[in-house]
N, C-alpha and C. Protein backbone atom coordinates (compact mmCIF):
# COMPACT_ATOMS: atom_id res chain seq x y z
N MET A 1 80.90 105.98 99.21
CA MET A 1 80.13 105.66 100.39
C MET A 1 81.06 105.69 101.60
N LEU A 2 80.70 106.47 102.60
CA LEU A 2 81.50 106.63 103.81
C LEU A 2 81.40 105.38 104.68
N LEU A 3 82.57 104.84 105.09
CA LEU A 3 82.61 103.69 105.98
C LEU A 3 82.95 104.11 107.41
N ILE A 4 83.99 104.93 107.54
CA ILE A 4 84.47 105.36 108.86
C ILE A 4 84.93 106.81 108.77
N LYS A 5 84.63 107.56 109.83
CA LYS A 5 85.08 108.95 109.89
C LYS A 5 85.70 109.21 111.25
N LEU A 6 86.89 109.80 111.25
CA LEU A 6 87.54 110.25 112.47
C LEU A 6 87.58 111.76 112.42
N ASP A 7 87.13 112.42 113.48
CA ASP A 7 87.13 113.88 113.53
C ASP A 7 87.93 114.32 114.75
N CYS A 8 89.15 114.77 114.51
CA CYS A 8 90.08 115.21 115.57
C CYS A 8 90.19 114.16 116.68
N ALA A 9 90.13 112.89 116.32
CA ALA A 9 90.20 111.80 117.30
C ALA A 9 91.63 111.62 117.78
N GLY A 10 91.78 111.46 119.08
CA GLY A 10 93.12 111.27 119.62
C GLY A 10 93.10 110.75 121.04
N LYS A 11 94.27 110.44 121.52
CA LYS A 11 94.48 109.97 122.88
C LYS A 11 95.37 110.96 123.62
N ARG A 12 95.24 111.00 124.94
CA ARG A 12 96.03 111.92 125.76
C ARG A 12 97.54 111.69 125.60
N TYR A 13 97.93 110.44 125.46
CA TYR A 13 99.36 110.11 125.39
C TYR A 13 100.00 110.44 124.04
N LEU A 14 99.20 110.88 123.07
CA LEU A 14 99.71 111.16 121.73
C LEU A 14 99.36 112.59 121.34
N GLU A 15 100.34 113.34 120.88
CA GLU A 15 100.09 114.74 120.52
C GLU A 15 99.24 114.89 119.26
N LYS A 16 99.20 113.86 118.43
CA LYS A 16 98.47 113.94 117.16
C LYS A 16 96.97 113.75 117.34
N ARG A 17 96.21 114.38 116.45
CA ARG A 17 94.77 114.17 116.35
C ARG A 17 94.51 113.72 114.92
N PHE A 18 93.60 112.76 114.75
CA PHE A 18 93.35 112.19 113.44
C PHE A 18 92.02 112.66 112.89
N THR A 19 92.05 113.25 111.71
CA THR A 19 90.85 113.60 110.96
C THR A 19 90.97 112.86 109.63
N LEU A 20 90.03 111.94 109.40
CA LEU A 20 90.16 111.05 108.26
C LEU A 20 88.80 110.46 107.91
N GLU A 21 88.55 110.32 106.63
CA GLU A 21 87.38 109.59 106.15
C GLU A 21 87.84 108.41 105.32
N ILE A 22 87.25 107.25 105.59
CA ILE A 22 87.53 106.07 104.78
C ILE A 22 86.26 105.74 104.03
N ASN A 23 86.37 105.75 102.71
CA ASN A 23 85.23 105.48 101.84
C ASN A 23 85.44 104.17 101.09
N LYS A 24 84.37 103.69 100.50
CA LYS A 24 84.44 102.48 99.69
C LYS A 24 85.50 102.64 98.61
N SER A 25 86.32 101.60 98.43
CA SER A 25 87.39 101.53 97.43
C SER A 25 88.60 102.41 97.73
N ASP A 26 88.67 103.00 98.92
CA ASP A 26 89.85 103.78 99.29
C ASP A 26 91.03 102.85 99.55
N PHE A 27 92.21 103.37 99.33
CA PHE A 27 93.45 102.68 99.70
C PHE A 27 94.28 103.70 100.46
N ILE A 28 94.35 103.53 101.77
CA ILE A 28 95.06 104.47 102.63
C ILE A 28 96.36 103.82 103.09
N LEU A 29 97.43 104.50 102.81
CA LEU A 29 98.77 104.03 103.18
C LEU A 29 99.22 104.84 104.38
N VAL A 30 99.66 104.16 105.42
CA VAL A 30 100.12 104.82 106.64
C VAL A 30 101.57 104.42 106.87
N SER A 31 102.44 105.42 107.03
CA SER A 31 103.84 105.13 107.28
C SER A 31 104.38 106.12 108.30
N GLY A 32 105.55 105.82 108.79
CA GLY A 32 106.19 106.69 109.77
C GLY A 32 106.98 105.89 110.78
N ASP A 33 107.73 106.60 111.58
CA ASP A 33 108.58 105.97 112.58
C ASP A 33 107.75 105.34 113.69
N ASN A 34 108.36 104.40 114.39
CA ASN A 34 107.72 103.79 115.56
C ASN A 34 107.43 104.87 116.60
N GLY A 35 106.29 104.71 117.27
CA GLY A 35 105.92 105.66 118.32
C GLY A 35 105.21 106.90 117.83
N ASN A 36 104.92 106.99 116.54
CA ASN A 36 104.28 108.18 115.98
C ASN A 36 102.77 108.08 115.85
N GLY A 37 102.17 106.93 116.23
CA GLY A 37 100.71 106.86 116.25
C GLY A 37 100.05 105.92 115.26
N LYS A 38 100.82 105.17 114.51
CA LYS A 38 100.21 104.26 113.52
C LYS A 38 99.30 103.24 114.20
N THR A 39 99.78 102.61 115.24
CA THR A 39 98.98 101.61 115.96
C THR A 39 97.77 102.25 116.63
N THR A 40 97.95 103.43 117.20
CA THR A 40 96.83 104.14 117.83
C THR A 40 95.74 104.43 116.81
N LEU A 41 96.13 104.89 115.62
CA LEU A 41 95.16 105.16 114.55
C LEU A 41 94.38 103.89 114.21
N ILE A 42 95.08 102.79 114.04
CA ILE A 42 94.42 101.52 113.72
C ILE A 42 93.48 101.10 114.84
N GLN A 43 93.93 101.22 116.08
CA GLN A 43 93.10 100.81 117.22
C GLN A 43 91.86 101.69 117.36
N LEU A 44 91.96 102.96 117.03
CA LEU A 44 90.79 103.84 117.04
C LEU A 44 89.78 103.42 115.97
N ILE A 45 90.27 103.11 114.79
CA ILE A 45 89.39 102.69 113.69
C ILE A 45 88.68 101.39 114.04
N LEU A 46 89.43 100.45 114.62
CA LEU A 46 88.87 99.14 114.97
C LEU A 46 87.94 99.20 116.20
N GLY A 47 88.01 100.29 116.95
CA GLY A 47 87.20 100.39 118.17
C GLY A 47 87.83 99.67 119.35
N PHE A 48 89.10 99.29 119.23
CA PHE A 48 89.81 98.64 120.34
C PHE A 48 90.05 99.63 121.47
N ILE A 49 90.21 100.91 121.10
CA ILE A 49 90.32 101.98 122.09
C ILE A 49 89.36 103.10 121.69
N HIS A 50 88.96 103.89 122.65
CA HIS A 50 88.06 105.02 122.39
C HIS A 50 88.86 106.32 122.51
N PRO A 51 88.53 107.31 121.68
CA PRO A 51 89.29 108.56 121.72
C PRO A 51 89.03 109.34 123.00
N ASP A 52 90.07 110.00 123.50
CA ASP A 52 89.93 110.94 124.61
C ASP A 52 89.47 112.29 124.09
N PHE A 53 89.73 112.55 122.81
CA PHE A 53 89.34 113.79 122.15
C PHE A 53 88.67 113.43 120.83
N GLY A 54 87.79 114.29 120.36
CA GLY A 54 87.15 114.06 119.07
C GLY A 54 86.27 112.83 119.09
N TYR A 55 85.99 112.31 117.90
CA TYR A 55 85.13 111.12 117.83
C TYR A 55 85.45 110.27 116.61
N VAL A 56 84.99 109.04 116.69
CA VAL A 56 85.08 108.09 115.58
C VAL A 56 83.67 107.64 115.27
N GLU A 57 83.27 107.78 114.02
CA GLU A 57 81.93 107.37 113.58
C GLU A 57 82.10 106.29 112.52
N SER A 58 81.38 105.18 112.69
CA SER A 58 81.51 104.13 111.68
C SER A 58 80.16 103.51 111.38
N LYS A 59 80.03 103.10 110.14
CA LYS A 59 78.85 102.35 109.71
C LYS A 59 79.02 100.92 110.20
N LYS A 60 77.96 100.13 110.09
CA LYS A 60 78.08 98.71 110.42
C LYS A 60 78.75 98.03 109.24
N ILE A 61 80.04 97.81 109.40
CA ILE A 61 80.82 97.20 108.32
C ILE A 61 81.62 96.03 108.88
N LYS A 62 82.05 95.18 107.96
CA LYS A 62 82.93 94.06 108.31
C LYS A 62 84.36 94.50 108.05
N ILE A 63 85.23 94.29 109.05
CA ILE A 63 86.63 94.66 108.92
C ILE A 63 87.49 93.41 109.06
N GLY A 64 88.40 93.23 108.13
CA GLY A 64 89.42 92.19 108.22
C GLY A 64 90.69 92.85 108.72
N TYR A 65 91.28 92.29 109.78
CA TYR A 65 92.44 92.91 110.40
C TYR A 65 93.59 91.94 110.54
N LEU A 66 94.75 92.33 110.03
CA LEU A 66 95.99 91.58 110.20
C LEU A 66 96.89 92.38 111.13
N PRO A 67 97.05 91.92 112.38
CA PRO A 67 97.95 92.64 113.28
C PRO A 67 99.40 92.44 112.86
N GLU A 68 100.27 93.26 113.40
CA GLU A 68 101.69 93.15 113.08
C GLU A 68 102.23 91.76 113.42
N LYS A 69 101.78 91.22 114.54
CA LYS A 69 102.18 89.87 114.93
C LYS A 69 100.92 89.03 115.08
N ALA A 70 100.61 88.28 114.05
CA ALA A 70 99.39 87.45 114.05
C ALA A 70 99.60 86.23 114.93
N MET A 71 98.57 85.86 115.66
CA MET A 71 98.60 84.67 116.50
C MET A 71 97.75 83.60 115.81
N LEU A 72 98.38 82.51 115.46
CA LEU A 72 97.69 81.42 114.78
C LEU A 72 97.68 80.19 115.68
N PRO A 73 96.64 79.36 115.58
CA PRO A 73 96.64 78.10 116.34
C PRO A 73 97.65 77.14 115.69
N LEU A 74 98.63 76.72 116.45
CA LEU A 74 99.76 76.01 115.87
C LEU A 74 99.50 74.55 115.54
N PHE A 75 98.60 73.89 116.26
CA PHE A 75 98.47 72.45 116.11
C PHE A 75 97.20 72.04 115.38
N ILE A 76 97.00 72.68 114.24
CA ILE A 76 95.92 72.34 113.33
C ILE A 76 96.50 72.46 111.92
N LYS A 77 95.99 71.67 111.03
CA LYS A 77 96.47 71.75 109.65
C LYS A 77 95.88 72.99 108.96
N VAL A 78 96.60 73.48 107.98
CA VAL A 78 96.24 74.73 107.30
C VAL A 78 94.84 74.67 106.69
N LEU A 79 94.53 73.63 105.92
CA LEU A 79 93.24 73.58 105.22
C LEU A 79 92.05 73.53 106.18
N PRO A 80 92.05 72.65 107.20
CA PRO A 80 90.92 72.67 108.14
C PRO A 80 90.78 74.02 108.87
N TYR A 81 91.90 74.65 109.15
CA TYR A 81 91.86 75.97 109.79
C TYR A 81 91.14 76.98 108.89
N LEU A 82 91.54 77.02 107.62
CA LEU A 82 90.92 77.96 106.68
C LEU A 82 89.44 77.63 106.45
N GLU A 83 89.12 76.34 106.35
CA GLU A 83 87.71 75.94 106.15
C GLU A 83 86.86 76.34 107.35
N THR A 84 87.38 76.17 108.54
CA THR A 84 86.64 76.54 109.75
C THR A 84 86.43 78.06 109.80
N LEU A 85 87.49 78.81 109.52
CA LEU A 85 87.36 80.27 109.50
C LEU A 85 86.36 80.74 108.45
N ALA A 86 86.39 80.11 107.30
CA ALA A 86 85.45 80.48 106.23
C ALA A 86 84.01 80.27 106.70
N LYS A 87 83.75 79.17 107.41
CA LYS A 87 82.40 78.93 107.94
C LYS A 87 82.02 79.98 108.97
N ILE A 88 82.94 80.28 109.88
CA ILE A 88 82.68 81.27 110.93
C ILE A 88 82.39 82.64 110.32
N LYS A 89 83.19 83.02 109.31
CA LYS A 89 83.05 84.33 108.69
C LYS A 89 82.05 84.34 107.55
N LYS A 90 81.38 83.20 107.33
CA LYS A 90 80.37 83.08 106.27
C LYS A 90 80.93 83.50 104.92
N GLY A 91 82.07 82.92 104.60
CA GLY A 91 82.73 83.23 103.33
C GLY A 91 83.20 81.98 102.64
N LYS A 92 83.80 82.18 101.50
CA LYS A 92 84.33 81.06 100.72
C LYS A 92 85.84 81.22 100.60
N LEU A 93 86.52 80.08 100.52
CA LEU A 93 87.96 80.10 100.30
C LEU A 93 88.24 80.52 98.86
N ASP A 94 89.19 81.38 98.68
CA ASP A 94 89.63 81.77 97.34
C ASP A 94 90.82 80.87 96.99
N THR A 95 90.53 79.77 96.35
CA THR A 95 91.58 78.79 96.05
C THR A 95 92.65 79.37 95.13
N ASP A 96 92.29 80.29 94.26
CA ASP A 96 93.28 80.91 93.39
C ASP A 96 94.31 81.70 94.21
N PHE A 97 93.83 82.39 95.24
CA PHE A 97 94.72 83.17 96.11
C PHE A 97 95.64 82.22 96.89
N ILE A 98 95.08 81.14 97.41
CA ILE A 98 95.87 80.15 98.16
C ILE A 98 96.94 79.53 97.24
N LEU A 99 96.54 79.18 96.03
CA LEU A 99 97.49 78.60 95.08
C LEU A 99 98.57 79.61 94.65
N ALA A 100 98.17 80.86 94.47
CA ALA A 100 99.13 81.89 94.07
C ALA A 100 100.21 82.08 95.14
N PHE A 101 99.82 81.94 96.39
CA PHE A 101 100.76 82.04 97.51
C PHE A 101 101.57 80.76 97.70
N ASN A 102 101.17 79.69 97.00
CA ASN A 102 101.87 78.41 97.11
C ASN A 102 101.94 77.95 98.57
N LEU A 103 100.82 78.03 99.25
CA LEU A 103 100.73 77.69 100.67
C LEU A 103 100.57 76.18 100.83
N PRO A 104 101.40 75.53 101.64
CA PRO A 104 101.27 74.08 101.86
C PRO A 104 100.08 73.77 102.77
N ILE A 105 98.93 73.47 102.19
CA ILE A 105 97.67 73.37 102.94
C ILE A 105 97.54 72.09 103.76
N PHE A 106 98.40 71.10 103.53
CA PHE A 106 98.27 69.84 104.28
C PHE A 106 99.25 69.75 105.45
N LYS A 107 100.00 70.81 105.69
CA LYS A 107 100.91 70.85 106.83
C LYS A 107 100.21 71.44 108.04
N SER A 108 100.70 71.11 109.22
CA SER A 108 100.25 71.78 110.44
C SER A 108 100.86 73.18 110.46
N ILE A 109 100.16 74.09 111.09
CA ILE A 109 100.61 75.48 111.11
C ILE A 109 101.99 75.61 111.77
N HIS A 110 102.24 74.81 112.81
CA HIS A 110 103.55 74.92 113.48
C HIS A 110 104.71 74.47 112.59
N GLU A 111 104.42 73.76 111.52
CA GLU A 111 105.46 73.31 110.59
C GLU A 111 105.79 74.37 109.54
N LEU A 112 104.99 75.40 109.45
CA LEU A 112 105.18 76.42 108.42
C LEU A 112 106.31 77.37 108.77
N SER A 113 106.98 77.87 107.74
CA SER A 113 107.99 78.92 107.93
C SER A 113 107.28 80.21 108.34
N LYS A 114 108.07 81.19 108.78
CA LYS A 114 107.50 82.49 109.15
C LYS A 114 106.74 83.10 107.97
N GLY A 115 107.32 83.00 106.78
CA GLY A 115 106.68 83.56 105.59
C GLY A 115 105.36 82.88 105.28
N ASN A 116 105.32 81.55 105.39
CA ASN A 116 104.06 80.83 105.13
C ASN A 116 103.02 81.10 106.21
N GLN A 117 103.45 81.28 107.45
CA GLN A 117 102.50 81.67 108.50
C GLN A 117 101.92 83.05 108.20
N GLN A 118 102.76 83.96 107.68
CA GLN A 118 102.27 85.29 107.32
C GLN A 118 101.27 85.20 106.17
N LYS A 119 101.56 84.37 105.18
CA LYS A 119 100.62 84.17 104.06
C LYS A 119 99.29 83.64 104.57
N LEU A 120 99.33 82.68 105.49
CA LEU A 120 98.11 82.12 106.05
C LEU A 120 97.32 83.20 106.79
N ALA A 121 98.01 84.02 107.56
CA ALA A 121 97.34 85.11 108.29
C ALA A 121 96.71 86.11 107.31
N ILE A 122 97.38 86.39 106.22
CA ILE A 122 96.85 87.31 105.20
C ILE A 122 95.59 86.72 104.57
N ILE A 123 95.65 85.47 104.16
CA ILE A 123 94.49 84.80 103.56
C ILE A 123 93.32 84.82 104.54
N SER A 124 93.59 84.56 105.81
CA SER A 124 92.55 84.57 106.85
C SER A 124 91.89 85.94 106.97
N THR A 125 92.67 86.99 106.80
CA THR A 125 92.16 88.36 106.92
C THR A 125 91.13 88.67 105.83
N PHE A 126 91.30 88.10 104.66
CA PHE A 126 90.40 88.37 103.54
C PHE A 126 89.12 87.54 103.58
N LEU A 127 89.08 86.50 104.42
CA LEU A 127 87.89 85.65 104.47
C LEU A 127 86.66 86.42 104.93
N GLY A 128 85.52 86.07 104.39
CA GLY A 128 84.26 86.71 104.77
C GLY A 128 83.95 87.97 104.00
N ASN A 129 84.78 88.30 103.01
CA ASN A 129 84.55 89.46 102.15
C ASN A 129 84.30 90.75 102.95
N PRO A 130 85.29 91.18 103.75
CA PRO A 130 85.10 92.41 104.54
C PRO A 130 84.99 93.65 103.66
N ASP A 131 84.41 94.70 104.23
CA ASP A 131 84.31 95.98 103.54
C ASP A 131 85.65 96.73 103.58
N LEU A 132 86.37 96.54 104.68
CA LEU A 132 87.64 97.21 104.91
C LEU A 132 88.65 96.19 105.41
N ILE A 133 89.84 96.23 104.83
CA ILE A 133 90.96 95.38 105.26
C ILE A 133 92.02 96.31 105.84
N ILE A 134 92.46 96.00 107.06
CA ILE A 134 93.55 96.74 107.69
C ILE A 134 94.71 95.78 107.87
N LEU A 135 95.83 96.13 107.24
CA LEU A 135 97.02 95.29 107.29
C LEU A 135 98.14 96.07 107.97
N ASP A 136 98.62 95.56 109.09
CA ASP A 136 99.70 96.19 109.85
C ASP A 136 100.99 95.43 109.58
N GLU A 137 101.89 96.04 108.85
CA GLU A 137 103.16 95.43 108.44
C GLU A 137 102.95 94.08 107.76
N PRO A 138 102.18 94.04 106.67
CA PRO A 138 101.85 92.76 106.03
C PRO A 138 103.01 92.07 105.35
N LEU A 139 104.09 92.79 105.08
CA LEU A 139 105.19 92.21 104.31
C LEU A 139 106.21 91.46 105.18
N SER A 140 106.00 91.45 106.48
CA SER A 140 106.92 90.78 107.39
C SER A 140 107.03 89.29 107.05
N GLY A 141 108.22 88.86 106.66
CA GLY A 141 108.45 87.46 106.33
C GLY A 141 108.16 87.09 104.89
N LEU A 142 107.64 88.02 104.09
CA LEU A 142 107.31 87.71 102.69
C LEU A 142 108.49 88.00 101.76
N ASP A 143 108.67 87.12 100.79
CA ASP A 143 109.67 87.37 99.76
C ASP A 143 109.05 88.24 98.67
N LEU A 144 109.85 88.62 97.68
CA LEU A 144 109.39 89.52 96.62
C LEU A 144 108.23 88.93 95.83
N GLU A 145 108.30 87.63 95.52
CA GLU A 145 107.22 86.98 94.77
C GLU A 145 105.90 87.03 95.53
N SER A 146 105.94 86.73 96.82
CA SER A 146 104.73 86.76 97.64
C SER A 146 104.20 88.18 97.80
N THR A 147 105.11 89.14 97.90
CA THR A 147 104.71 90.55 97.97
C THR A 147 103.94 90.94 96.71
N ASN A 148 104.42 90.50 95.55
CA ASN A 148 103.74 90.80 94.29
C ASN A 148 102.38 90.11 94.20
N VAL A 149 102.27 88.88 94.72
CA VAL A 149 100.98 88.18 94.76
C VAL A 149 99.99 88.98 95.60
N LEU A 150 100.45 89.45 96.77
CA LEU A 150 99.59 90.24 97.65
C LEU A 150 99.15 91.53 96.96
N LYS A 151 100.08 92.23 96.34
CA LYS A 151 99.72 93.49 95.66
C LYS A 151 98.68 93.27 94.57
N LYS A 152 98.86 92.22 93.76
CA LYS A 152 97.89 91.93 92.69
C LYS A 152 96.52 91.61 93.28
N TYR A 153 96.49 90.87 94.39
CA TYR A 153 95.22 90.51 95.01
C TYR A 153 94.53 91.75 95.58
N ILE A 154 95.30 92.62 96.18
CA ILE A 154 94.75 93.87 96.71
C ILE A 154 94.15 94.69 95.57
N GLU A 155 94.86 94.80 94.46
CA GLU A 155 94.34 95.56 93.30
C GLU A 155 93.03 94.97 92.81
N LYS A 156 92.96 93.64 92.76
CA LYS A 156 91.74 92.96 92.32
C LYS A 156 90.58 93.29 93.28
N LYS A 157 90.83 93.15 94.58
CA LYS A 157 89.77 93.38 95.58
C LYS A 157 89.37 94.86 95.65
N LYS A 158 90.33 95.76 95.46
CA LYS A 158 90.01 97.18 95.44
C LYS A 158 89.09 97.48 94.25
N GLY A 159 89.35 96.83 93.12
CA GLY A 159 88.51 96.98 91.94
C GLY A 159 87.09 96.46 92.17
N GLU A 160 86.93 95.54 93.14
CA GLU A 160 85.61 95.01 93.50
C GLU A 160 84.93 95.86 94.58
N GLY A 161 85.59 96.96 95.00
CA GLY A 161 84.97 97.86 95.97
C GLY A 161 85.47 97.73 97.39
N MET A 162 86.43 96.84 97.66
CA MET A 162 86.96 96.69 99.00
C MET A 162 87.88 97.87 99.31
N SER A 163 87.88 98.31 100.58
CA SER A 163 88.74 99.40 101.02
C SER A 163 89.92 98.84 101.80
N PHE A 164 91.03 99.58 101.79
CA PHE A 164 92.25 99.12 102.44
C PHE A 164 92.91 100.21 103.24
N MET A 165 93.52 99.81 104.35
CA MET A 165 94.47 100.64 105.09
C MET A 165 95.67 99.75 105.36
N ILE A 166 96.83 100.20 104.92
CA ILE A 166 98.05 99.44 105.14
C ILE A 166 99.05 100.31 105.88
N SER A 167 99.51 99.81 107.01
CA SER A 167 100.55 100.46 107.79
C SER A 167 101.85 99.71 107.53
N THR A 168 102.86 100.43 107.06
CA THR A 168 104.10 99.76 106.67
C THR A 168 105.31 100.67 106.80
N HIS A 169 106.46 100.05 107.02
CA HIS A 169 107.72 100.77 106.99
C HIS A 169 108.31 100.75 105.57
N GLN A 170 107.59 100.13 104.64
CA GLN A 170 108.02 100.07 103.23
C GLN A 170 106.95 100.69 102.33
N PRO A 171 106.65 101.98 102.51
CA PRO A 171 105.56 102.60 101.74
C PRO A 171 105.80 102.65 100.24
N ASP A 172 107.06 102.65 99.82
CA ASP A 172 107.33 102.74 98.38
C ASP A 172 106.72 101.58 97.60
N LEU A 173 106.54 100.42 98.25
CA LEU A 173 105.97 99.26 97.58
C LEU A 173 104.47 99.43 97.29
N PHE A 174 103.83 100.37 97.99
CA PHE A 174 102.38 100.55 97.83
C PHE A 174 101.98 101.94 97.35
N LYS A 175 102.94 102.85 97.20
CA LYS A 175 102.61 104.24 96.86
C LYS A 175 101.78 104.37 95.59
N ASP A 176 102.07 103.54 94.59
CA ASP A 176 101.34 103.62 93.32
C ASP A 176 99.88 103.21 93.45
N MET A 177 99.53 102.53 94.53
CA MET A 177 98.16 102.04 94.73
C MET A 177 97.34 102.96 95.64
N ALA A 178 98.02 103.82 96.39
CA ALA A 178 97.36 104.60 97.44
C ALA A 178 96.54 105.76 96.90
N SER A 179 95.34 105.92 97.46
CA SER A 179 94.55 107.12 97.17
C SER A 179 94.88 108.21 98.19
N LEU A 180 95.48 107.81 99.32
CA LEU A 180 95.90 108.74 100.36
C LEU A 180 97.10 108.13 101.08
N HIS A 181 98.15 108.95 101.28
CA HIS A 181 99.32 108.49 102.02
C HIS A 181 99.47 109.37 103.25
N ILE A 182 99.34 108.77 104.42
CA ILE A 182 99.49 109.48 105.69
C ILE A 182 100.86 109.15 106.25
N THR A 183 101.68 110.16 106.45
CA THR A 183 102.98 109.96 107.08
C THR A 183 102.91 110.51 108.49
N LEU A 184 103.14 109.64 109.46
CA LEU A 184 103.08 110.06 110.87
C LEU A 184 104.48 110.20 111.44
């Protein structure tokens, strides 16, 4: 089932044009040097920017997005934050995922390490059972154990029909999962 289609979509400031289809259960890996268009591709898919050339066509889908630098409210405890987001996104907390990440749910967000803040941002991205998850540099601040927890969770969700796009400077960690690898 087609979720999003880009047909020669591009911006004036970038020489590249993107032609891409994202279907249910796809896993698209995006890698490449800085300045080569990874962020532009993501912004076109999300509708944050409109193409100067070509077009982007999308179904009415729910997208979970983790930006490279997530902004979290610092002076709220982790559990109330997640519970509030779950209500807003009309979803349920996956306690197994939270436990697997070993996230300290009774601390305030400002007390968390960079890695734990990244885990919280990742968990937040999955809330509401989106059709497509876009993760921009999701491994920032994560140790090897947390990276493996994330990979296992992605495999589980992909098996349930969720689609993924991951932009990373560490593509080797996800190559075995990708149905398409775009190098920019």
